[in-house]
Structure formats: structure tokens, C-alpha cells
N, C-alpha and C. Protein backbone atom coordinates (compact mmCIF):
# COMPACT_ATOMS: atom_id res chain seq x y z
N MET A 1 -43.75 -151.71 32.57
CA MET A 1 -44.23 -152.03 33.90
C MET A 1 -45.75 -152.07 33.87
N THR A 2 -46.33 -153.18 34.27
CA THR A 2 -47.79 -153.29 34.25
C THR A 2 -48.37 -152.68 35.51
N GLU A 3 -49.60 -152.19 35.40
CA GLU A 3 -50.27 -151.62 36.57
C GLU A 3 -50.43 -152.67 37.65
N GLN A 4 -50.75 -153.91 37.22
CA GLN A 4 -51.02 -154.97 38.17
C GLN A 4 -49.77 -155.38 38.93
N ALA A 5 -48.68 -155.62 38.18
CA ALA A 5 -47.47 -156.12 38.82
C ALA A 5 -46.68 -155.02 39.50
N LYS A 6 -46.67 -153.82 38.90
CA LYS A 6 -45.88 -152.71 39.43
C LYS A 6 -44.42 -153.10 39.63
N VAL A 7 -43.92 -153.94 38.71
CA VAL A 7 -42.53 -154.37 38.74
C VAL A 7 -41.96 -154.20 37.34
N PRO A 8 -40.79 -153.53 37.20
CA PRO A 8 -40.22 -153.33 35.86
C PRO A 8 -39.72 -154.64 35.26
N ALA A 9 -39.60 -154.67 33.94
CA ALA A 9 -39.13 -155.86 33.24
C ALA A 9 -37.65 -156.11 33.51
N ILE A 10 -36.88 -155.05 33.74
CA ILE A 10 -35.45 -155.16 34.04
C ILE A 10 -35.18 -154.43 35.34
N ARG A 11 -34.45 -155.08 36.22
CA ARG A 11 -34.02 -154.37 37.44
C ARG A 11 -32.72 -154.94 37.95
N PHE A 12 -32.07 -154.19 38.84
CA PHE A 12 -30.79 -154.62 39.37
C PHE A 12 -30.97 -155.71 40.42
N ALA A 13 -29.96 -156.58 40.51
CA ALA A 13 -30.01 -157.70 41.45
C ALA A 13 -30.12 -157.20 42.88
N GLY A 14 -30.85 -157.95 43.68
CA GLY A 14 -30.97 -157.64 45.10
C GLY A 14 -32.19 -156.81 45.46
N PHE A 15 -32.95 -156.35 44.46
CA PHE A 15 -34.13 -155.53 44.75
C PHE A 15 -35.39 -156.27 44.32
N THR A 16 -36.30 -156.42 45.25
CA THR A 16 -37.53 -157.18 44.97
C THR A 16 -38.80 -156.42 45.35
N ASP A 17 -38.65 -155.28 46.02
CA ASP A 17 -39.84 -154.52 46.42
C ASP A 17 -40.60 -154.01 45.20
N PRO A 18 -41.92 -153.94 45.30
CA PRO A 18 -42.70 -153.40 44.17
C PRO A 18 -42.44 -151.90 43.98
N TRP A 19 -42.78 -151.42 42.80
CA TRP A 19 -42.70 -149.99 42.50
C TRP A 19 -44.10 -149.40 42.63
N GLU A 20 -44.15 -148.09 42.84
CA GLU A 20 -45.43 -147.38 42.91
C GLU A 20 -45.58 -146.48 41.70
N GLN A 21 -46.80 -146.34 41.21
CA GLN A 21 -47.10 -145.36 40.17
C GLN A 21 -47.50 -144.07 40.88
N ARG A 22 -46.71 -143.01 40.69
CA ARG A 22 -46.97 -141.76 41.41
C ARG A 22 -46.99 -140.58 40.44
N LYS A 23 -47.90 -139.65 40.68
CA LYS A 23 -47.91 -138.39 39.93
C LYS A 23 -47.03 -137.38 40.65
N LEU A 24 -46.47 -136.44 39.90
CA LEU A 24 -45.63 -135.41 40.53
C LEU A 24 -46.40 -134.65 41.59
N GLY A 25 -47.67 -134.37 41.31
CA GLY A 25 -48.49 -133.63 42.27
C GLY A 25 -48.65 -134.37 43.59
N GLU A 26 -48.76 -135.71 43.53
CA GLU A 26 -48.86 -136.51 44.76
C GLU A 26 -47.56 -136.44 45.55
N LEU A 27 -46.44 -136.47 44.83
CA LEU A 27 -45.14 -136.39 45.49
C LEU A 27 -44.95 -135.02 46.16
N GLU A 28 -45.53 -134.00 45.55
CA GLU A 28 -45.44 -132.66 46.14
C GLU A 28 -46.32 -132.56 47.38
N LYS A 29 -47.50 -133.17 47.31
CA LYS A 29 -48.42 -133.11 48.46
C LYS A 29 -47.85 -133.79 49.69
N ASP A 30 -47.11 -134.89 49.49
CA ASP A 30 -46.56 -135.57 50.67
C ASP A 30 -45.14 -135.09 51.01
N ALA A 31 -44.77 -133.90 50.49
CA ALA A 31 -43.50 -133.23 50.80
C ALA A 31 -42.27 -134.03 50.37
N THR A 32 -42.44 -134.84 49.31
CA THR A 32 -41.30 -135.54 48.73
C THR A 32 -40.49 -134.57 47.87
N LEU A 33 -41.18 -133.57 47.31
CA LEU A 33 -40.52 -132.58 46.46
C LEU A 33 -41.26 -131.25 46.51
N TYR A 34 -40.59 -130.21 46.02
CA TYR A 34 -41.19 -128.89 45.89
C TYR A 34 -40.97 -128.41 44.46
N MET A 35 -42.03 -127.91 43.82
CA MET A 35 -41.92 -127.43 42.44
C MET A 35 -42.06 -125.92 42.39
N GLY A 36 -41.30 -125.30 41.46
CA GLY A 36 -41.40 -123.86 41.29
C GLY A 36 -40.95 -123.44 39.90
N ARG A 37 -40.97 -122.15 39.65
CA ARG A 37 -40.48 -121.59 38.40
C ARG A 37 -39.36 -120.61 38.69
N GLY A 38 -38.49 -120.46 37.70
CA GLY A 38 -37.39 -119.50 37.84
C GLY A 38 -37.92 -118.07 37.76
N ARG A 39 -37.02 -117.11 37.64
CA ARG A 39 -37.44 -115.72 37.54
C ARG A 39 -36.83 -115.08 36.30
N VAL A 40 -37.35 -113.94 35.94
CA VAL A 40 -36.86 -113.24 34.74
C VAL A 40 -35.42 -112.78 34.96
N ILE A 41 -34.54 -113.20 34.06
CA ILE A 41 -33.16 -112.72 34.04
C ILE A 41 -32.87 -112.39 32.58
N SER A 42 -32.68 -111.14 32.30
CA SER A 42 -32.48 -110.71 30.92
C SER A 42 -30.99 -110.64 30.57
N ALA A 43 -30.73 -110.50 29.28
CA ALA A 43 -29.34 -110.32 28.82
C ALA A 43 -28.76 -109.04 29.43
N LYS A 44 -29.63 -108.02 29.59
CA LYS A 44 -29.20 -106.76 30.20
C LYS A 44 -28.81 -106.96 31.66
N ASP A 45 -29.60 -107.77 32.39
CA ASP A 45 -29.26 -108.08 33.78
C ASP A 45 -27.87 -108.70 33.87
N MET A 46 -27.61 -109.68 32.98
CA MET A 46 -26.31 -110.37 33.01
C MET A 46 -25.18 -109.42 32.62
N SER A 47 -25.47 -108.51 31.69
CA SER A 47 -24.46 -107.53 31.28
C SER A 47 -24.16 -106.52 32.39
N ASN A 48 -25.23 -106.10 33.11
CA ASN A 48 -25.07 -105.13 34.19
C ASN A 48 -24.41 -105.72 35.44
N THR A 49 -24.60 -107.04 35.63
CA THR A 49 -24.01 -107.72 36.79
C THR A 49 -23.22 -108.93 36.29
N PRO A 50 -22.06 -108.70 35.70
CA PRO A 50 -21.30 -109.83 35.14
C PRO A 50 -20.79 -110.76 36.24
N GLY A 51 -20.61 -112.00 35.86
CA GLY A 51 -20.11 -112.99 36.81
C GLY A 51 -19.91 -114.33 36.14
N THR A 52 -19.71 -115.34 36.96
CA THR A 52 -19.40 -116.68 36.43
C THR A 52 -20.46 -117.72 36.76
N PHE A 53 -21.52 -117.31 37.48
CA PHE A 53 -22.54 -118.29 37.86
C PHE A 53 -23.46 -118.58 36.67
N PRO A 54 -23.63 -119.85 36.29
CA PRO A 54 -24.44 -120.19 35.12
C PRO A 54 -25.91 -119.78 35.29
N VAL A 55 -26.52 -119.39 34.17
CA VAL A 55 -27.95 -119.11 34.11
C VAL A 55 -28.54 -120.13 33.14
N TYR A 56 -29.49 -120.95 33.62
CA TYR A 56 -30.11 -121.97 32.79
C TYR A 56 -31.48 -121.50 32.34
N SER A 57 -31.78 -121.75 31.07
CA SER A 57 -33.05 -121.33 30.51
C SER A 57 -33.71 -122.50 29.79
N SER A 58 -34.51 -122.21 28.74
CA SER A 58 -35.32 -123.26 28.12
C SER A 58 -34.63 -124.04 27.02
N SER A 59 -33.46 -123.63 26.60
CA SER A 59 -32.78 -124.30 25.49
C SER A 59 -32.30 -125.69 25.88
N ALA A 60 -32.33 -126.59 24.90
CA ALA A 60 -31.76 -127.92 25.13
C ALA A 60 -30.27 -127.92 24.77
N LEU A 61 -29.81 -126.85 24.09
CA LEU A 61 -28.41 -126.75 23.69
C LEU A 61 -27.54 -126.33 24.87
N ASP A 62 -26.28 -126.76 24.83
CA ASP A 62 -25.30 -126.38 25.85
C ASP A 62 -25.80 -126.63 27.26
N ASN A 63 -26.48 -127.77 27.43
CA ASN A 63 -26.98 -128.17 28.75
C ASN A 63 -27.97 -127.16 29.33
N GLY A 64 -28.63 -126.40 28.42
CA GLY A 64 -29.62 -125.41 28.86
C GLY A 64 -29.03 -124.10 29.34
N ARG A 65 -27.73 -123.94 29.20
CA ARG A 65 -27.06 -122.72 29.71
C ARG A 65 -27.29 -121.53 28.77
N MET A 66 -27.81 -120.43 29.34
CA MET A 66 -28.09 -119.23 28.57
C MET A 66 -26.93 -118.23 28.66
N GLY A 67 -26.22 -118.24 29.78
CA GLY A 67 -25.14 -117.29 29.99
C GLY A 67 -24.63 -117.38 31.42
N ALA A 68 -23.96 -116.32 31.87
CA ALA A 68 -23.42 -116.27 33.22
C ALA A 68 -23.82 -114.96 33.88
N TYR A 69 -23.83 -114.96 35.21
CA TYR A 69 -24.39 -113.85 35.98
C TYR A 69 -23.56 -113.66 37.24
N GLY A 70 -23.62 -112.48 37.81
CA GLY A 70 -22.89 -112.19 39.04
C GLY A 70 -23.67 -112.55 40.30
N LYS A 71 -24.92 -112.94 40.12
CA LYS A 71 -25.76 -113.36 41.25
C LYS A 71 -26.19 -114.81 41.01
N TYR A 72 -26.69 -115.47 42.06
CA TYR A 72 -27.22 -116.81 41.86
C TYR A 72 -28.44 -117.02 42.75
N MET A 73 -29.31 -117.92 42.31
CA MET A 73 -30.54 -118.22 43.04
C MET A 73 -30.39 -119.47 43.91
N PHE A 74 -29.62 -120.45 43.43
CA PHE A 74 -29.53 -121.75 44.09
C PHE A 74 -28.09 -122.16 44.31
N ASN A 75 -27.89 -122.96 45.34
CA ASN A 75 -26.61 -123.65 45.56
C ASN A 75 -26.96 -125.02 46.13
N GLN A 76 -27.68 -125.78 45.33
CA GLN A 76 -28.16 -127.09 45.76
C GLN A 76 -28.45 -127.96 44.55
N GLU A 77 -28.67 -129.23 44.82
CA GLU A 77 -29.03 -130.19 43.79
C GLU A 77 -30.49 -129.94 43.40
N LEU A 78 -30.73 -129.82 42.08
CA LEU A 78 -32.10 -129.55 41.58
C LEU A 78 -32.33 -130.27 40.27
N ILE A 79 -33.60 -130.30 39.85
CA ILE A 79 -34.00 -130.70 38.51
C ILE A 79 -34.59 -129.47 37.85
N THR A 80 -34.21 -129.20 36.60
CA THR A 80 -34.83 -128.10 35.86
C THR A 80 -35.38 -128.64 34.55
N TRP A 81 -36.34 -127.93 33.98
CA TRP A 81 -36.88 -128.33 32.69
C TRP A 81 -37.44 -127.11 31.98
N SER A 82 -37.67 -127.27 30.68
CA SER A 82 -38.20 -126.19 29.86
C SER A 82 -39.71 -126.10 29.99
N ILE A 83 -40.20 -124.93 30.36
CA ILE A 83 -41.65 -124.69 30.43
C ILE A 83 -42.28 -124.84 29.05
N ASP A 84 -41.56 -124.36 28.02
CA ASP A 84 -42.09 -124.39 26.66
C ASP A 84 -42.16 -125.79 26.08
N GLY A 85 -41.57 -126.75 26.73
CA GLY A 85 -41.68 -128.13 26.30
C GLY A 85 -40.73 -128.54 25.20
N GLY A 86 -40.11 -127.55 24.55
CA GLY A 86 -39.21 -127.89 23.45
C GLY A 86 -37.82 -128.27 23.92
N GLY A 87 -37.54 -128.02 25.17
CA GLY A 87 -36.21 -128.31 25.69
C GLY A 87 -36.12 -129.70 26.26
N ALA A 88 -35.57 -129.83 27.43
CA ALA A 88 -35.35 -131.13 28.03
C ALA A 88 -35.40 -131.01 29.55
N VAL A 89 -35.29 -132.15 30.22
CA VAL A 89 -35.21 -132.19 31.68
C VAL A 89 -33.73 -132.37 32.03
N PHE A 90 -33.25 -131.59 32.98
CA PHE A 90 -31.84 -131.63 33.37
C PHE A 90 -31.68 -131.90 34.86
N TYR A 91 -30.72 -132.76 35.19
CA TYR A 91 -30.30 -132.90 36.57
C TYR A 91 -29.20 -131.87 36.81
N ARG A 92 -29.34 -131.08 37.87
CA ARG A 92 -28.34 -130.06 38.21
C ARG A 92 -27.65 -130.47 39.52
N ARG A 93 -26.37 -130.79 39.40
CA ARG A 93 -25.62 -131.09 40.62
C ARG A 93 -25.57 -129.84 41.50
N LYS A 94 -25.16 -130.00 42.74
CA LYS A 94 -25.07 -128.86 43.66
C LYS A 94 -23.98 -127.90 43.18
N HIS A 95 -24.37 -126.69 42.82
CA HIS A 95 -23.45 -125.61 42.48
C HIS A 95 -24.27 -124.31 42.47
N ARG A 96 -23.60 -123.19 42.34
CA ARG A 96 -24.30 -121.89 42.35
C ARG A 96 -24.79 -121.56 40.94
N PHE A 97 -26.09 -121.36 40.80
CA PHE A 97 -26.66 -121.09 39.48
C PHE A 97 -28.03 -120.42 39.62
N SER A 98 -28.56 -119.97 38.49
CA SER A 98 -29.90 -119.38 38.44
C SER A 98 -30.72 -120.07 37.37
N VAL A 99 -32.05 -119.92 37.47
CA VAL A 99 -32.98 -120.51 36.52
C VAL A 99 -33.95 -119.41 36.07
N THR A 100 -34.14 -119.28 34.76
CA THR A 100 -35.03 -118.23 34.25
C THR A 100 -36.49 -118.63 34.36
N ASN A 101 -37.36 -117.66 34.08
CA ASN A 101 -38.80 -117.86 34.22
C ASN A 101 -39.39 -118.83 33.19
N VAL A 102 -38.65 -119.17 32.14
CA VAL A 102 -39.15 -120.15 31.18
C VAL A 102 -38.67 -121.56 31.53
N SER A 103 -38.20 -121.72 32.75
CA SER A 103 -37.80 -123.02 33.27
C SER A 103 -38.49 -123.29 34.60
N GLY A 104 -38.83 -124.54 34.79
CA GLY A 104 -39.33 -124.98 36.09
C GLY A 104 -38.20 -125.63 36.85
N TYR A 105 -38.38 -125.76 38.16
CA TYR A 105 -37.37 -126.47 38.94
C TYR A 105 -38.04 -127.30 40.04
N ILE A 106 -37.34 -128.34 40.44
CA ILE A 106 -37.80 -129.22 41.51
C ILE A 106 -36.67 -129.42 42.50
N ALA A 107 -36.98 -129.19 43.76
CA ALA A 107 -36.09 -129.53 44.87
C ALA A 107 -36.69 -130.74 45.56
N VAL A 108 -35.86 -131.72 45.90
CA VAL A 108 -36.38 -132.96 46.50
C VAL A 108 -36.00 -133.06 47.97
N ASN A 109 -36.78 -133.87 48.68
CA ASN A 109 -36.42 -134.27 50.03
C ASN A 109 -35.56 -135.52 49.87
N PRO A 110 -34.23 -135.44 50.09
CA PRO A 110 -33.35 -136.58 49.80
C PRO A 110 -33.62 -137.80 50.67
N GLU A 111 -34.38 -137.64 51.74
CA GLU A 111 -34.73 -138.79 52.58
C GLU A 111 -35.91 -139.56 52.00
N LYS A 112 -36.57 -138.96 50.98
CA LYS A 112 -37.74 -139.61 50.39
C LYS A 112 -37.55 -140.04 48.94
N ILE A 113 -36.70 -139.29 48.20
CA ILE A 113 -36.49 -139.63 46.79
C ILE A 113 -35.11 -139.17 46.34
N ASN A 114 -34.53 -139.93 45.42
CA ASN A 114 -33.21 -139.61 44.88
C ASN A 114 -33.37 -138.64 43.71
N CYS A 115 -32.67 -137.53 43.76
CA CYS A 115 -32.82 -136.48 42.76
C CYS A 115 -32.43 -136.95 41.35
N LYS A 116 -31.30 -137.66 41.22
CA LYS A 116 -30.89 -138.16 39.91
C LYS A 116 -31.93 -139.10 39.34
N PHE A 117 -32.41 -140.02 40.17
CA PHE A 117 -33.42 -140.97 39.70
C PHE A 117 -34.65 -140.23 39.18
N LEU A 118 -35.14 -139.26 39.96
CA LEU A 118 -36.33 -138.51 39.55
C LEU A 118 -36.09 -137.76 38.25
N ALA A 119 -34.89 -137.21 38.06
CA ALA A 119 -34.58 -136.50 36.82
C ALA A 119 -34.70 -137.42 35.61
N TYR A 120 -34.20 -138.65 35.73
CA TYR A 120 -34.30 -139.60 34.60
C TYR A 120 -35.75 -140.03 34.38
N ALA A 121 -36.49 -140.26 35.46
CA ALA A 121 -37.90 -140.64 35.32
C ALA A 121 -38.71 -139.51 34.68
N MET A 122 -38.43 -138.27 35.09
CA MET A 122 -39.11 -137.11 34.50
C MET A 122 -38.75 -136.92 33.04
N SER A 123 -37.48 -137.16 32.71
CA SER A 123 -37.02 -137.01 31.34
C SER A 123 -37.77 -137.96 30.41
N LEU A 124 -37.97 -139.18 30.88
CA LEU A 124 -38.73 -140.16 30.08
C LEU A 124 -40.19 -139.72 29.95
N ALA A 125 -40.80 -139.29 31.06
CA ALA A 125 -42.19 -138.83 31.02
C ALA A 125 -42.33 -137.63 30.07
N HIS A 126 -41.35 -136.72 30.11
CA HIS A 126 -41.35 -135.53 29.26
C HIS A 126 -41.29 -135.92 27.78
N SER A 127 -40.48 -136.93 27.46
CA SER A 127 -40.30 -137.35 26.06
C SER A 127 -41.54 -138.04 25.50
N ARG A 128 -42.40 -138.53 26.37
CA ARG A 128 -43.59 -139.26 25.92
C ARG A 128 -44.80 -138.36 25.68
N ILE A 129 -44.64 -137.07 25.98
CA ILE A 129 -45.76 -136.13 25.85
C ILE A 129 -45.41 -135.07 24.81
N LYS A 130 -46.37 -134.77 23.94
CA LYS A 130 -46.14 -133.74 22.91
C LYS A 130 -46.60 -132.40 23.46
N PHE A 131 -45.66 -131.44 23.56
CA PHE A 131 -45.98 -130.09 23.99
C PHE A 131 -45.96 -129.18 22.76
N ASP A 132 -46.82 -128.20 22.76
CA ASP A 132 -46.81 -127.21 21.69
C ASP A 132 -47.07 -125.83 22.28
N TYR A 133 -47.38 -124.87 21.42
CA TYR A 133 -47.54 -123.50 21.92
C TYR A 133 -48.77 -123.34 22.82
N THR A 134 -49.72 -124.29 22.76
CA THR A 134 -50.90 -124.18 23.63
C THR A 134 -50.75 -125.00 24.91
N VAL A 135 -49.97 -126.07 24.86
CA VAL A 135 -49.76 -126.91 26.05
C VAL A 135 -48.31 -126.77 26.48
N LYS A 136 -48.10 -126.04 27.54
CA LYS A 136 -46.75 -125.81 28.03
C LYS A 136 -46.54 -126.61 29.31
N ALA A 137 -45.27 -126.90 29.59
CA ALA A 137 -44.94 -127.74 30.74
C ALA A 137 -44.82 -126.92 32.03
N HIS A 138 -45.87 -126.12 32.32
CA HIS A 138 -45.90 -125.38 33.58
C HIS A 138 -45.99 -126.38 34.74
N PRO A 139 -45.47 -126.03 35.91
CA PRO A 139 -45.62 -126.93 37.05
C PRO A 139 -47.09 -127.34 37.28
N SER A 140 -48.02 -126.39 37.09
CA SER A 140 -49.44 -126.71 37.29
C SER A 140 -49.94 -127.77 36.33
N VAL A 141 -49.33 -127.84 35.13
CA VAL A 141 -49.73 -128.83 34.12
C VAL A 141 -49.11 -130.19 34.42
N ILE A 142 -47.80 -130.21 34.65
CA ILE A 142 -47.14 -131.51 34.79
C ILE A 142 -47.38 -132.17 36.15
N ARG A 143 -47.91 -131.44 37.11
CA ARG A 143 -48.26 -132.07 38.39
C ARG A 143 -49.18 -133.26 38.17
N SER A 144 -50.13 -133.11 37.26
CA SER A 144 -51.08 -134.19 37.01
C SER A 144 -50.75 -134.98 35.75
N LEU A 145 -49.88 -134.43 34.88
CA LEU A 145 -49.57 -135.05 33.60
C LEU A 145 -48.50 -136.13 33.71
N TYR A 146 -47.54 -135.95 34.60
CA TYR A 146 -46.41 -136.89 34.70
C TYR A 146 -46.72 -137.95 35.76
N THR A 147 -46.89 -139.18 35.30
CA THR A 147 -47.02 -140.33 36.19
C THR A 147 -45.81 -141.21 35.97
N MET A 148 -45.14 -141.59 37.05
CA MET A 148 -43.89 -142.34 36.93
C MET A 148 -43.86 -143.53 37.87
N GLY A 149 -43.17 -144.58 37.43
CA GLY A 149 -42.91 -145.71 38.31
C GLY A 149 -41.75 -145.37 39.21
N ILE A 150 -41.95 -145.54 40.52
CA ILE A 150 -40.91 -145.17 41.49
C ILE A 150 -40.69 -146.32 42.46
N PRO A 151 -39.44 -146.79 42.60
CA PRO A 151 -39.16 -147.84 43.57
C PRO A 151 -39.44 -147.35 45.00
N ILE A 152 -39.98 -148.21 45.81
CA ILE A 152 -40.19 -147.87 47.22
C ILE A 152 -38.83 -147.70 47.90
N SER A 153 -37.86 -148.53 47.48
CA SER A 153 -36.53 -148.50 48.08
C SER A 153 -35.72 -147.31 47.58
N LEU A 154 -35.29 -146.46 48.51
CA LEU A 154 -34.43 -145.32 48.17
C LEU A 154 -33.10 -145.81 47.62
N GLN A 155 -32.62 -146.95 48.13
CA GLN A 155 -31.35 -147.50 47.65
C GLN A 155 -31.47 -147.91 46.18
N GLU A 156 -32.59 -148.50 45.80
CA GLU A 156 -32.79 -148.88 44.40
C GLU A 156 -32.83 -147.64 43.51
N GLN A 157 -33.47 -146.58 43.99
CA GLN A 157 -33.49 -145.32 43.24
C GLN A 157 -32.06 -144.81 43.02
N GLN A 158 -31.24 -144.87 44.05
CA GLN A 158 -29.86 -144.38 43.97
C GLN A 158 -29.05 -145.19 42.96
N VAL A 159 -29.24 -146.52 42.97
CA VAL A 159 -28.52 -147.39 42.04
C VAL A 159 -28.92 -147.07 40.60
N ILE A 160 -30.20 -146.88 40.36
CA ILE A 160 -30.69 -146.56 39.02
C ILE A 160 -30.17 -145.20 38.56
N GLY A 161 -30.26 -144.20 39.43
CA GLY A 161 -29.77 -142.86 39.11
C GLY A 161 -28.28 -142.86 38.78
N SER A 162 -27.49 -143.60 39.55
CA SER A 162 -26.04 -143.68 39.32
C SER A 162 -25.73 -144.40 38.01
N PHE A 163 -26.49 -145.44 37.69
CA PHE A 163 -26.29 -146.20 36.46
C PHE A 163 -26.47 -145.30 35.24
N PHE A 164 -27.58 -144.57 35.20
CA PHE A 164 -27.84 -143.71 34.04
C PHE A 164 -26.89 -142.51 33.99
N SER A 165 -26.44 -142.06 35.15
CA SER A 165 -25.47 -140.97 35.19
C SER A 165 -24.14 -141.42 34.59
N ARG A 166 -23.69 -142.63 34.94
CA ARG A 166 -22.45 -143.17 34.36
C ARG A 166 -22.61 -143.37 32.86
N LEU A 167 -23.78 -143.81 32.43
CA LEU A 167 -24.04 -144.00 31.00
C LEU A 167 -23.98 -142.66 30.27
N ASP A 168 -24.56 -141.62 30.86
CA ASP A 168 -24.48 -140.28 30.26
C ASP A 168 -23.05 -139.80 30.14
N ASN A 169 -22.24 -140.05 31.18
CA ASN A 169 -20.82 -139.64 31.14
C ASN A 169 -20.08 -140.36 30.02
N LEU A 170 -20.40 -141.64 29.82
CA LEU A 170 -19.79 -142.42 28.75
C LEU A 170 -20.20 -141.88 27.38
N ILE A 171 -21.47 -141.54 27.24
CA ILE A 171 -21.97 -140.97 25.98
C ILE A 171 -21.25 -139.65 25.69
N THR A 172 -21.11 -138.80 26.72
CA THR A 172 -20.42 -137.51 26.55
C THR A 172 -18.97 -137.71 26.13
N LEU A 173 -18.30 -138.68 26.76
CA LEU A 173 -16.90 -138.97 26.43
C LEU A 173 -16.78 -139.37 24.96
N HIS A 174 -17.64 -140.28 24.50
CA HIS A 174 -17.59 -140.73 23.11
C HIS A 174 -18.02 -139.63 22.15
N GLN A 175 -18.94 -138.77 22.58
CA GLN A 175 -19.36 -137.65 21.73
C GLN A 175 -18.19 -136.70 21.49
N ARG A 176 -17.40 -136.44 22.55
CA ARG A 176 -16.23 -135.57 22.40
C ARG A 176 -15.21 -136.19 21.45
N LYS A 177 -15.00 -137.50 21.59
CA LYS A 177 -14.08 -138.19 20.68
C LYS A 177 -14.60 -138.10 19.25
N TYR A 178 -15.88 -138.31 19.07
CA TYR A 178 -16.51 -138.22 17.75
C TYR A 178 -16.32 -136.82 17.16
N ASP A 179 -16.60 -135.80 17.98
CA ASP A 179 -16.46 -134.41 17.50
C ASP A 179 -15.03 -134.10 17.06
N LYS A 180 -14.05 -134.60 17.83
CA LYS A 180 -12.64 -134.38 17.48
C LYS A 180 -12.30 -135.08 16.16
N LEU A 181 -12.83 -136.30 15.97
CA LEU A 181 -12.56 -137.03 14.73
C LEU A 181 -13.20 -136.35 13.53
N VAL A 182 -14.38 -135.77 13.71
CA VAL A 182 -15.04 -135.04 12.62
C VAL A 182 -14.20 -133.84 12.21
N ILE A 183 -13.67 -133.11 13.21
CA ILE A 183 -12.81 -131.95 12.92
C ILE A 183 -11.52 -132.40 12.24
N PHE A 184 -10.94 -133.49 12.73
CA PHE A 184 -9.71 -134.03 12.14
C PHE A 184 -9.95 -134.41 10.68
N LYS A 185 -11.06 -135.10 10.41
CA LYS A 185 -11.40 -135.50 9.04
C LYS A 185 -11.54 -134.27 8.14
N LYS A 186 -12.25 -133.25 8.61
CA LYS A 186 -12.47 -132.03 7.82
C LYS A 186 -11.13 -131.35 7.51
N THR A 187 -10.26 -131.27 8.53
CA THR A 187 -8.95 -130.65 8.34
C THR A 187 -8.13 -131.42 7.30
N MET A 188 -8.12 -132.74 7.41
CA MET A 188 -7.36 -133.57 6.47
C MET A 188 -7.90 -133.43 5.05
N LEU A 189 -9.23 -133.41 4.91
CA LEU A 189 -9.82 -133.25 3.58
C LEU A 189 -9.43 -131.90 2.96
N GLU A 190 -9.48 -130.85 3.77
CA GLU A 190 -9.15 -129.52 3.26
C GLU A 190 -7.67 -129.42 2.86
N LYS A 191 -6.80 -130.12 3.60
CA LYS A 191 -5.37 -130.07 3.29
C LYS A 191 -5.02 -130.96 2.09
N MET A 192 -5.75 -132.06 1.93
CA MET A 192 -5.47 -132.98 0.82
C MET A 192 -6.12 -132.51 -0.49
N PHE A 193 -7.23 -131.81 -0.37
CA PHE A 193 -7.95 -131.36 -1.55
C PHE A 193 -8.12 -129.84 -1.50
N PRO A 194 -7.04 -129.10 -1.78
CA PRO A 194 -7.13 -127.63 -1.72
C PRO A 194 -8.07 -127.09 -2.79
N LYS A 195 -8.63 -125.93 -2.52
CA LYS A 195 -9.49 -125.27 -3.50
C LYS A 195 -8.68 -124.86 -4.71
N ASP A 196 -9.36 -124.71 -5.84
CA ASP A 196 -8.68 -124.28 -7.06
C ASP A 196 -7.96 -122.95 -6.81
N GLY A 197 -6.73 -122.86 -7.27
CA GLY A 197 -5.99 -121.62 -7.16
C GLY A 197 -5.19 -121.52 -5.87
N GLU A 198 -5.28 -122.50 -4.97
CA GLU A 198 -4.53 -122.43 -3.71
C GLU A 198 -3.27 -123.26 -3.80
């Protein structure tokens, strides 16, 4: 997307409005979103208060899930990401969950921006920046660091968010099939080629 045109090279039919280049901090100032950080939740906390509510932390593995807890911080649609930068940006559907202090979170005003769309735009912005032990993805840092193209039309945002969400579901489905085939192959190899002495 060029600065001059502010129009992406590919877009869905029926949408012609220009896009805006916006920083996260600008979106926060005009109350399009609210940014924050999670709180400290230790393994001891989860052990002392067992439960089924997911706790999300900085890992990119297992969808960022660290464990389960008997308490929860949120029951709404949110975006979370790793403060340390080594993780990823996640869209969190509405459910009861908590976020640790090494994760940031964003709550959106749904009348101004689509949460799924913003999660994908942030994920791309996150992937284009190198974070290390000195530059962490604190809300104070990414407010000015993340600049994203955003459609003026909320409907266009929704269409884009839904498209990438369906694509992610398809990828997950094929990944599960792939994982099952890998296990099947390993099992067959072990049964066809037993170890010496078996």
C-alpha cells in the first residue's frame, strides 16, 4: 500500500474507500481501543486456586496458554501479545480467561474497529519488527512503533478479519491431518522395522 494512494493492491469486491495509515497510539487517543498489561499469575497461584479458566502468557506454543486457573480477568473479545517480543499476537474470542504480566492486551470499541481485523494487522506489524532483550513490545513502545493500514469501512474490516480467520481454521484442520499422518507413518515404520532382538 503506497502512502499516496492509501489503497491496498488486493481487496474484496465492493469496497472502494481509501485506507488510513494509523498508529496504535492514535487509535488509543481517539478511544478506538484501550491498551494494557496483564498481571502476575504464578504457578503457585494456579496450584492454590485450581480451575479451568485459561491463563495466557508470552509463549507462542499452545496458543500462548500457560495453564488454567480458578479465577479470570476477562470475559470479552481481546487481542493479546507477548511483551518479550518472542511470542506472537493472538485474537482471543469472548471467553473467561486471564493474561499474565508478560503479555499486553487490547480491548476495542467494536463500533470503531473490528477486533479480528486489528489482530491480523498487528500480527503483521509485529512480524516486521525485530525485538530483543533490550527492545520489548511494551504497550508504551508499540503505541508509536506499530503503523497499520486500516480501512475506513468497518464492514471491509469485518470481511478481511473473517477471511483470515477462515484461512487459519483451514490451516489448523490440515495441520491436525498432517500430525495424524506423521504419527501413523512412525507407527507403521516401527511395526515394519522392529529393533534387533524384538
